[in-house]
PDB file of all heavy atoms in Angstrom:
ATOM      1  N   SER A   1      69.177  61.611 186.732  1.00  0.00           N
ATOM      2  CA  SER A   1      68.576  60.645 187.655  1.00  0.00           C
ATOM      3  C   SER A   1      69.229  60.675 189.023  1.00  0.00           C
ATOM      4  O   SER A   1      70.377  61.086 189.177  1.00  0.00           O
ATOM      5  CB  SER A   1      68.735  59.223 187.091  1.00  0.00           C
ATOM      6  OG  SER A   1      68.197  59.124 185.796  1.00  0.00           O
ATOM      7  N   SER A   2      68.464  60.183 189.999  1.00  0.00           N
ATOM      8  CA  SER A   2      68.966  59.897 191.336  1.00  0.00           C
ATOM      9  C   SER A   2      68.855  58.392 191.517  1.00  0.00           C
ATOM     10  O   SER A   2      67.833  57.801 191.167  1.00  0.00           O
ATOM     11  CB  SER A   2      68.121  60.596 192.399  1.00  0.00           C
ATOM     12  OG  SER A   2      68.051  61.979 192.150  1.00  0.00           O
ATOM     13  N   VAL A   3      69.897  57.784 192.064  1.00  0.00           N
ATOM     14  CA  VAL A   3      69.933  56.329 192.200  1.00  0.00           C
ATOM     15  C   VAL A   3      70.165  55.953 193.654  1.00  0.00           C
ATOM     16  O   VAL A   3      71.039  56.503 194.321  1.00  0.00           O
ATOM     17  CB  VAL A   3      71.048  55.721 191.317  1.00  0.00           C
ATOM     18  CG1 VAL A   3      71.142  54.215 191.511  1.00  0.00           C
ATOM     19  CG2 VAL A   3      70.805  56.054 189.846  1.00  0.00           C
ATOM     20  N   SER A   4      69.370  54.994 194.123  1.00  0.00           N
ATOM     21  CA  SER A   4      69.524  54.438 195.467  1.00  0.00           C
ATOM     22  C   SER A   4      69.996  52.997 195.338  1.00  0.00           C
ATOM     23  O   SER A   4      69.383  52.202 194.629  1.00  0.00           O
ATOM     24  CB  SER A   4      68.182  54.480 196.206  1.00  0.00           C
ATOM     25  OG  SER A   4      68.252  53.749 197.405  1.00  0.00           O
ATOM     26  N   VAL A   5      71.091  52.684 196.031  1.00  0.00           N
ATOM     27  CA  VAL A   5      71.599  51.315 196.082  1.00  0.00           C
ATOM     28  C   VAL A   5      71.587  50.894 197.540  1.00  0.00           C
ATOM     29  O   VAL A   5      72.164  51.573 198.387  1.00  0.00           O
ATOM     30  CB  VAL A   5      73.038  51.218 195.525  1.00  0.00           C
ATOM     31  CG1 VAL A   5      73.559  49.789 195.632  1.00  0.00           C
ATOM     32  CG2 VAL A   5      73.098  51.717 194.097  1.00  0.00           C
ATOM     33  N   GLY A   6      70.903  49.798 197.848  1.00  0.00           N
ATOM     34  CA  GLY A   6      70.887  49.317 199.226  1.00  0.00           C
ATOM     35  C   GLY A   6      69.612  48.598 199.575  1.00  0.00           C
ATOM     36  O   GLY A   6      68.865  48.161 198.696  1.00  0.00           O
ATOM     37  N   VAL A   7      69.349  48.488 200.874  1.00  0.00           N
ATOM     38  CA  VAL A   7      68.238  47.682 201.384  1.00  0.00           C
ATOM     39  C   VAL A   7      67.060  48.508 201.880  1.00  0.00           C
ATOM     40  O   VAL A   7      66.140  47.948 202.464  1.00  0.00           O
ATOM     41  CB  VAL A   7      68.709  46.739 202.515  1.00  0.00           C
ATOM     42  CG1 VAL A   7      69.722  45.738 202.006  1.00  0.00           C
ATOM     43  CG2 VAL A   7      69.262  47.524 203.689  1.00  0.00           C
ATOM     44  N   ASN A   8      67.051  49.814 201.660  1.00  0.00           N
ATOM     45  CA  ASN A   8      65.976  50.679 202.138  1.00  0.00           C
ATOM     46  C   ASN A   8      65.739  50.473 203.634  1.00  0.00           C
ATOM     47  O   ASN A   8      64.673  50.014 204.049  1.00  0.00           O
ATOM     48  CB  ASN A   8      64.673  50.437 201.372  1.00  0.00           C
ATOM     49  CG  ASN A   8      64.830  50.634 199.896  1.00  0.00           C
ATOM     50  OD1 ASN A   8      65.342  49.771 199.211  1.00  0.00           O
ATOM     51  ND2 ASN A   8      64.395  51.755 199.396  1.00  0.00           N
ATOM     52  N   PRO A   9      66.701  50.837 204.471  1.00  0.00           N
ATOM     53  CA  PRO A   9      66.634  50.527 205.900  1.00  0.00           C
ATOM     54  C   PRO A   9      65.514  51.213 206.675  1.00  0.00           C
ATOM     55  O   PRO A   9      65.223  50.809 207.798  1.00  0.00           O
ATOM     56  CB  PRO A   9      68.001  50.967 206.423  1.00  0.00           C
ATOM     57  CG  PRO A   9      68.454  52.010 205.464  1.00  0.00           C
ATOM     58  CD  PRO A   9      67.909  51.586 204.128  1.00  0.00           C
ATOM     59  N   THR A  10      64.861  52.209 206.109  1.00  0.00           N
ATOM     60  CA  THR A  10      63.768  52.886 206.807  1.00  0.00           C
ATOM     61  C   THR A  10      62.572  51.958 206.965  1.00  0.00           C
ATOM     62  O   THR A  10      61.802  52.082 207.910  1.00  0.00           O
ATOM     63  CB  THR A  10      63.367  54.170 206.055  1.00  0.00           C
ATOM     64  OG1 THR A  10      64.511  55.040 206.024  1.00  0.00           O
ATOM     65  CG2 THR A  10      62.212  54.882 206.726  1.00  0.00           C
ATOM     66  N   PHE A  11      62.421  51.007 206.054  1.00  0.00           N
ATOM     67  CA  PHE A  11      61.268  50.114 206.061  1.00  0.00           C
ATOM     68  C   PHE A  11      61.619  48.773 206.684  1.00  0.00           C
ATOM     69  O   PHE A  11      62.690  48.225 206.456  1.00  0.00           O
ATOM     70  CB  PHE A  11      60.720  49.957 204.639  1.00  0.00           C
ATOM     71  CG  PHE A  11      60.329  51.286 204.062  1.00  0.00           C
ATOM     72  CD1 PHE A  11      61.160  51.946 203.169  1.00  0.00           C
ATOM     73  CD2 PHE A  11      59.153  51.900 204.458  1.00  0.00           C
ATOM     74  CE1 PHE A  11      60.810  53.189 202.660  1.00  0.00           C
ATOM     75  CE2 PHE A  11      58.797  53.147 203.948  1.00  0.00           C
ATOM     76  CZ  PHE A  11      59.631  53.787 203.057  1.00  0.00           C
ATOM     77  N   ILE A  12      60.694  48.241 207.470  1.00  0.00           N
ATOM     78  CA  ILE A  12      60.909  47.024 208.256  1.00  0.00           C
ATOM     79  C   ILE A  12      60.887  45.794 207.354  1.00  0.00           C
ATOM     80  O   ILE A  12      60.149  45.723 206.382  1.00  0.00           O
ATOM     81  CB  ILE A  12      59.823  46.903 209.335  1.00  0.00           C
ATOM     82  CG1 ILE A  12      59.930  48.091 210.287  1.00  0.00           C
ATOM     83  CG2 ILE A  12      59.923  45.595 210.091  1.00  0.00           C
ATOM     84  CD1 ILE A  12      58.799  48.195 211.278  1.00  0.00           C
ATOM     85  N   GLY A  13      61.684  44.805 207.745  1.00  0.00           N
ATOM     86  CA  GLY A  13      61.674  43.520 207.051  1.00  0.00           C
ATOM     87  C   GLY A  13      63.014  43.215 206.423  1.00  0.00           C
ATOM     88  O   GLY A  13      63.846  44.089 206.215  1.00  0.00           O
ATOM     89  N   ASP A  14      63.227  41.936 206.165  1.00  0.00           N
ATOM     90  CA  ASP A  14      64.427  41.513 205.459  1.00  0.00           C
ATOM     91  C   ASP A  14      64.297  41.935 204.012  1.00  0.00           C
ATOM     92  O   ASP A  14      63.335  41.579 203.333  1.00  0.00           O
ATOM     93  CB  ASP A  14      64.599  39.989 205.536  1.00  0.00           C
ATOM     94  CG  ASP A  14      65.023  39.535 206.913  1.00  0.00           C
ATOM     95  OD1 ASP A  14      65.636  40.347 207.637  1.00  0.00           O
ATOM     96  OD2 ASP A  14      64.767  38.374 207.250  1.00  0.00           O
ATOM     97  N   ARG A  15      65.252  42.697 203.565  1.00  0.00           N
ATOM     98  CA  ARG A  15      65.195  43.221 202.205  1.00  0.00           C
ATOM     99  C   ARG A  15      66.520  42.949 201.513  1.00  0.00           C
ATOM    100  O   ARG A  15      67.574  43.141 202.092  1.00  0.00           O
ATOM    101  CB  ARG A  15      64.907  44.709 202.241  1.00  0.00           C
ATOM    102  CG  ARG A  15      63.636  45.040 203.039  1.00  0.00           C
ATOM    103  CD  ARG A  15      63.447  46.515 203.220  1.00  0.00           C
ATOM    104  NE  ARG A  15      63.324  47.210 201.964  1.00  0.00           N
ATOM    105  CZ  ARG A  15      62.202  47.271 201.245  1.00  0.00           C
ATOM    106  NH1 ARG A  15      61.133  46.669 201.651  1.00  0.00           N
ATOM    107  NH2 ARG A  15      62.162  47.947 200.117  1.00  0.00           N
ATOM    108  N   GLU A  16      66.436  42.534 200.264  1.00  0.00           N
ATOM    109  CA  GLU A  16      67.635  42.354 199.467  1.00  0.00           C
ATOM    110  C   GLU A  16      68.149  43.708 199.015  1.00  0.00           C
ATOM    111  O   GLU A  16      67.384  44.659 198.885  1.00  0.00           O
ATOM    112  CB  GLU A  16      67.323  41.516 198.226  1.00  0.00           C
ATOM    113  CG  GLU A  16      67.001  40.079 198.520  1.00  0.00           C
ATOM    114  CD  GLU A  16      66.810  39.293 197.230  1.00  0.00           C
ATOM    115  OE1 GLU A  16      67.121  39.812 196.131  1.00  0.00           O
ATOM    116  OE2 GLU A  16      66.354  38.154 197.329  1.00  0.00           O
ATOM    117  N   ARG A  17      69.457  43.757 198.752  1.00  0.00           N
ATOM    118  CA  ARG A  17      70.002  44.972 198.151  1.00  0.00           C
ATOM    119  C   ARG A  17      69.366  45.156 196.791  1.00  0.00           C
ATOM    120  O   ARG A  17      69.097  44.195 196.083  1.00  0.00           O
ATOM    121  CB  ARG A  17      71.518  44.856 197.997  1.00  0.00           C
ATOM    122  CG  ARG A  17      72.237  44.886 199.326  1.00  0.00           C
ATOM    123  CD  ARG A  17      73.737  44.793 199.149  1.00  0.00           C
ATOM    124  NE  ARG A  17      74.254  46.062 198.638  1.00  0.00           N
ATOM    125  CZ  ARG A  17      75.222  46.159 197.738  1.00  0.00           C
ATOM    126  NH1 ARG A  17      75.768  45.082 197.218  1.00  0.00           N
ATOM    127  NH2 ARG A  17      75.637  47.344 197.335  1.00  0.00           N
ATOM    128  N   ARG A  18      69.115  46.404 196.455  1.00  0.00           N
ATOM    129  CA  ARG A  18      68.484  46.699 195.181  1.00  0.00           C
ATOM    130  C   ARG A  18      68.994  48.013 194.637  1.00  0.00           C
ATOM    131  O   ARG A  18      69.581  48.812 195.359  1.00  0.00           O
ATOM    132  CB  ARG A  18      66.973  46.733 195.328  1.00  0.00           C
ATOM    133  CG  ARG A  18      66.501  47.762 196.343  1.00  0.00           C
ATOM    134  CD  ARG A  18      65.012  47.790 196.527  1.00  0.00           C
ATOM    135  NE  ARG A  18      64.547  46.580 197.164  1.00  0.00           N
ATOM    136  CZ  ARG A  18      63.286  46.247 197.324  1.00  0.00           C
ATOM    137  NH1 ARG A  18      62.349  47.047 196.891  1.00  0.00           N
ATOM    138  NH2 ARG A  18      62.940  45.144 197.916  1.00  0.00           N
ATOM    139  N   VAL A  19      68.726  48.212 193.358  1.00  0.00           N
ATOM    140  CA  VAL A  19      69.044  49.473 192.699  1.00  0.00           C
ATOM    141  C   VAL A  19      67.730  50.069 192.217  1.00  0.00           C
ATOM    142  O   VAL A  19      66.977  49.425 191.490  1.00  0.00           O
ATOM    143  CB  VAL A  19      70.002  49.268 191.505  1.00  0.00           C
ATOM    144  CG1 VAL A  19      70.214  50.581 190.764  1.00  0.00           C
ATOM    145  CG2 VAL A  19      71.327  48.697 191.982  1.00  0.00           C
ATOM    146  N   GLU A  20      67.465  51.293 192.670  1.00  0.00           N
ATOM    147  CA  GLU A  20      66.253  52.008 192.284  1.00  0.00           C
ATOM    148  C   GLU A  20      66.660  53.328 191.640  1.00  0.00           C
ATOM    149  O   GLU A  20      67.450  54.075 192.205  1.00  0.00           O
ATOM    150  CB  GLU A  20      65.382  52.273 193.507  1.00  0.00           C
ATOM    151  CG  GLU A  20      64.893  50.995 194.172  1.00  0.00           C
ATOM    152  CD  GLU A  20      64.097  51.288 195.420  1.00  0.00           C
ATOM    153  OE1 GLU A  20      62.878  51.469 195.303  1.00  0.00           O
ATOM    154  OE2 GLU A  20      64.720  51.359 196.494  1.00  0.00           O
ATOM    155  N   VAL A  21      66.110  53.600 190.467  1.00  0.00           N
ATOM    156  CA  VAL A  21      66.473  54.783 189.692  1.00  0.00           C
ATOM    157  C   VAL A  21      65.265  55.704 189.578  1.00  0.00           C
ATOM    158  O   VAL A  21      64.208  55.292 189.103  1.00  0.00           O
ATOM    159  CB  VAL A  21      66.956  54.383 188.278  1.00  0.00           C
ATOM    160  CG1 VAL A  21      67.389  55.614 187.499  1.00  0.00           C
ATOM    161  CG2 VAL A  21      68.081  53.352 188.364  1.00  0.00           C
ATOM    162  N   HIS A  22      65.435  56.940 190.030  1.00  0.00           N
ATOM    163  CA  HIS A  22      64.395  57.966 189.882  1.00  0.00           C
ATOM    164  C   HIS A  22      64.816  58.877 188.740  1.00  0.00           C
ATOM    165  O   HIS A  22      65.804  59.616 188.850  1.00  0.00           O
ATOM    166  CB  HIS A  22      64.231  58.767 191.173  1.00  0.00           C
ATOM    167  CG  HIS A  22      63.361  59.968 191.022  1.00  0.00           C
ATOM    168  ND1 HIS A  22      62.010  59.881 190.745  1.00  0.00           N
ATOM    169  CD2 HIS A  22      63.645  61.297 191.087  1.00  0.00           C
ATOM    170  CE1 HIS A  22      61.505  61.104 190.649  1.00  0.00           C
ATOM    171  NE2 HIS A  22      62.477  61.977 190.855  1.00  0.00           N
ATOM    172  N   LEU A  23      64.105  58.815 187.616  1.00  0.00           N
ATOM    173  CA  LEU A  23      64.361  59.703 186.483  1.00  0.00           C
ATOM    174  C   LEU A  23      63.696  61.042 186.772  1.00  0.00           C
ATOM    175  O   LEU A  23      62.491  61.105 187.002  1.00  0.00           O
ATOM    176  CB  LEU A  23      63.793  59.117 185.191  1.00  0.00           C
ATOM    177  CG  LEU A  23      64.653  58.114 184.437  1.00  0.00           C
ATOM    178  CD1 LEU A  23      64.965  56.898 185.264  1.00  0.00           C
ATOM    179  CD2 LEU A  23      64.006  57.734 183.135  1.00  0.00           C
ATOM    180  N   HIS A  24      64.494  62.104 186.772  1.00  0.00           N
ATOM    181  CA  HIS A  24      63.967  63.432 187.054  1.00  0.00           C
ATOM    182  C   HIS A  24      63.044  63.875 185.919  1.00  0.00           C
ATOM    183  O   HIS A  24      63.361  63.692 184.749  1.00  0.00           O
ATOM    184  CB  HIS A  24      65.099  64.454 187.192  1.00  0.00           C
ATOM    185  CG  HIS A  24      66.088  64.099 188.258  1.00  0.00           C
ATOM    186  ND1 HIS A  24      67.252  64.805 188.427  1.00  0.00           N
ATOM    187  CD2 HIS A  24      66.107  63.134 189.208  1.00  0.00           C
ATOM    188  CE1 HIS A  24      67.934  64.286 189.437  1.00  0.00           C
ATOM    189  NE2 HIS A  24      67.264  63.274 189.927  1.00  0.00           N
ATOM    190  N   ASP A  25      61.938  64.460 186.283  1.00  0.00           N
ATOM    191  CA  ASP A  25      61.007  65.065 185.318  1.00  0.00           C
ATOM    192  C   ASP A  25      60.499  64.075 184.277  1.00  0.00           C
ATOM    193  O   ASP A  25      60.275  64.435 183.120  1.00  0.00           O
ATOM    194  CB  ASP A  25      61.661  66.266 184.616  1.00  0.00           C
ATOM    195  CG  ASP A  25      62.214  67.278 185.611  1.00  0.00           C
ATOM    196  OD1 ASP A  25      61.490  67.580 186.583  1.00  0.00           O
ATOM    197  OD2 ASP A  25      63.353  67.731 185.445  1.00  0.00           O
ATOM    198  N   ALA A  26      60.301  62.831 184.679  1.00  0.00           N
ATOM    199  CA  ALA A  26      59.821  61.807 183.741  1.00  0.00           C
ATOM    200  C   ALA A  26      58.530  61.195 184.263  1.00  0.00           C
ATOM    201  O   ALA A  26      58.386  60.949 185.456  1.00  0.00           O
ATOM    202  CB  ALA A  26      60.870  60.717 183.571  1.00  0.00           C
ATOM    203  N   ASP A  27      57.621  60.955 183.360  1.00  0.00           N
ATOM    204  CA  ASP A  27      56.400  60.221 183.675  1.00  0.00           C
ATOM    205  C   ASP A  27      56.267  59.144 182.600  1.00  0.00           C
ATOM    206  O   ASP A  27      55.527  59.302 181.634  1.00  0.00           O
ATOM    207  CB  ASP A  27      55.189  61.160 183.680  1.00  0.00           C
ATOM    208  CG  ASP A  27      53.925  60.461 184.143  1.00  0.00           C
ATOM    209  OD1 ASP A  27      54.033  59.359 184.728  1.00  0.00           O
ATOM    210  OD2 ASP A  27      52.833  61.001 183.906  1.00  0.00           O
ATOM    211  N   VAL A  28      57.041  58.076 182.766  1.00  0.00           N
ATOM    212  CA  VAL A  28      57.174  57.040 181.755  1.00  0.00           C
ATOM    213  C   VAL A  28      56.953  55.683 182.407  1.00  0.00           C
ATOM    214  O   VAL A  28      57.483  55.419 183.484  1.00  0.00           O
ATOM    215  CB  VAL A  28      58.593  57.083 181.134  1.00  0.00           C
ATOM    216  CG1 VAL A  28      58.750  56.040 180.054  1.00  0.00           C
ATOM    217  CG2 VAL A  28      58.927  58.461 180.614  1.00  0.00           C
ATOM    218  N   ASN A  29      56.169  54.818 181.763  1.00  0.00           N
ATOM    219  CA  ASN A  29      56.014  53.448 182.238  1.00  0.00           C
ATOM    220  C   ASN A  29      57.229  52.663 181.760  1.00  0.00           C
ATOM    221  O   ASN A  29      57.400  52.421 180.565  1.00  0.00           O
ATOM    222  CB  ASN A  29      54.729  52.833 181.696  1.00  0.00           C
ATOM    223  CG  ASN A  29      54.520  51.424 182.195  1.00  0.00           C
ATOM    224  OD1 ASN A  29      55.386  50.820 182.824  1.00  0.00           O
ATOM    225  ND2 ASN A  29      53.352  50.880 181.913  1.00  0.00           N
ATOM    226  N   LEU A  30      58.084  52.265 182.690  1.00  0.00           N
ATOM    227  CA  LEU A  30      59.350  51.620 182.344  1.00  0.00           C
ATOM    228  C   LEU A  30      59.340  50.106 182.525  1.00  0.00           C
ATOM    229  O   LEU A  30      60.339  49.461 182.210  1.00  0.00           O
ATOM    230  CB  LEU A  30      60.478  52.218 183.199  1.00  0.00           C
ATOM    231  CG  LEU A  30      60.749  53.702 182.979  1.00  0.00           C
ATOM    232  CD1 LEU A  30      61.730  54.207 184.023  1.00  0.00           C
ATOM    233  CD2 LEU A  30      61.268  53.946 181.583  1.00  0.00           C
ATOM    234  N   TYR A  31      58.253  49.530 183.021  1.00  0.00           N
ATOM    235  CA  TYR A  31      58.231  48.092 183.280  1.00  0.00           C
ATOM    236  C   TYR A  31      58.552  47.310 182.013  1.00  0.00           C
ATOM    237  O   TYR A  31      57.996  47.549 180.947  1.00  0.00           O
ATOM    238  CB  TYR A  31      56.880  47.651 183.829  1.00  0.00           C
ATOM    239  CG  TYR A  31      56.612  48.173 185.211  1.00  0.00           C
ATOM    240  CD1 TYR A  31      55.505  48.963 185.467  1.00  0.00           C
ATOM    241  CD2 TYR A  31      57.468  47.895 186.270  1.00  0.00           C
ATOM    242  CE1 TYR A  31      55.252  49.466 186.737  1.00  0.00           C
ATOM    243  CE2 TYR A  31      57.233  48.385 187.533  1.00  0.00           C
ATOM    244  CZ  TYR A  31      56.131  49.165 187.767  1.00  0.00           C
ATOM    245  OH  TYR A  31      55.897  49.661 189.027  1.00  0.00           O
ATOM    246  N   GLY A  32      59.501  46.384 182.139  1.00  0.00           N
ATOM    247  CA  GLY A  32      59.902  45.541 181.024  1.00  0.00           C
ATOM    248  C   GLY A  32      60.916  46.172 180.099  1.00  0.00           C
ATOM    249  O   GLY A  32      61.423  45.515 179.196  1.00  0.00           O
ATOM    250  N   MET A  33      61.233  47.454 180.294  1.00  0.00           N
ATOM    251  CA  MET A  33      62.234  48.118 179.461  1.00  0.00           C
ATOM    252  C   MET A  33      63.613  47.936 180.069  1.00  0.00           C
ATOM    253  O   MET A  33      63.753  47.635 181.253  1.00  0.00           O
ATOM    254  CB  MET A  33      61.919  49.600 179.322  1.00  0.00           C
ATOM    255  CG  MET A  33      60.643  49.873 178.578  1.00  0.00           C
ATOM    256  SD  MET A  33      60.492  51.647 178.320  1.00  0.00           S
ATOM    257  CE  MET A  33      58.898  51.695 177.519  1.00  0.00           C
ATOM    258  N   ASN A  34      64.630  48.141 179.255  1.00  0.00           N
ATOM    259  CA  ASN A  34      66.003  48.116 179.748  1.00  0.00           C
ATOM    260  C   ASN A  34      66.435  49.536 180.057  1.00  0.00           C
ATOM    261  O   ASN A  34      66.147  50.464 179.297  1.00  0.00           O
ATOM    262  CB  ASN A  34      66.939  47.495 178.714  1.00  0.00           C
ATOM    263  CG  ASN A  34      66.699  46.017 178.581  1.00  0.00           C
ATOM    264  OD1 ASN A  34      66.676  45.293 179.566  1.00  0.00           O
ATOM    265  ND2 ASN A  34      66.502  45.560 177.362  1.00  0.00           N
ATOM    266  N   LEU A  35      67.128  49.680 181.166  1.00  0.00           N
ATOM    267  CA  LEU A  35      67.611  50.979 181.600  1.00  0.00           C
ATOM    268  C   LEU A  35      69.113  50.835 181.832  1.00  0.00           C
ATOM    269  O   LEU A  35      69.542  49.978 182.607  1.00  0.00           O
ATOM    270  CB  LEU A  35      66.902  51.358 182.902  1.00  0.00           C
ATOM    271  CG  LEU A  35      66.829  52.808 183.311  1.00  0.00           C
ATOM    272  CD1 LEU A  35      66.072  53.634 182.291  1.00  0.00           C
ATOM    273  CD2 LEU A  35      66.164  52.938 184.666  1.00  0.00           C
ATOM    274  N   SER A  36      69.891  51.635 181.132  1.00  0.00           N
ATOM    275  CA  SER A  36      71.327  51.656 181.404  1.00  0.00           C
ATOM    276  C   SER A  36      71.607  52.886 182.256  1.00  0.00           C
ATOM    277  O   SER A  36      71.033  53.955 182.019  1.00  0.00           O
ATOM    278  CB  SER A  36      72.147  51.656 180.121  1.00  0.00           C
ATOM    279  OG  SER A  36      71.841  52.766 179.327  1.00  0.00           O
TER     280      SER A  36
END
């Protein structure tokens, strides 16, 4: 995976810090699942 931690400064607006995880080579619906 590749992980982004931060406020995504490229996009306009007040943004909270967040953690976004890109799973390589995955096409999985992860909504509601737990990810460690």
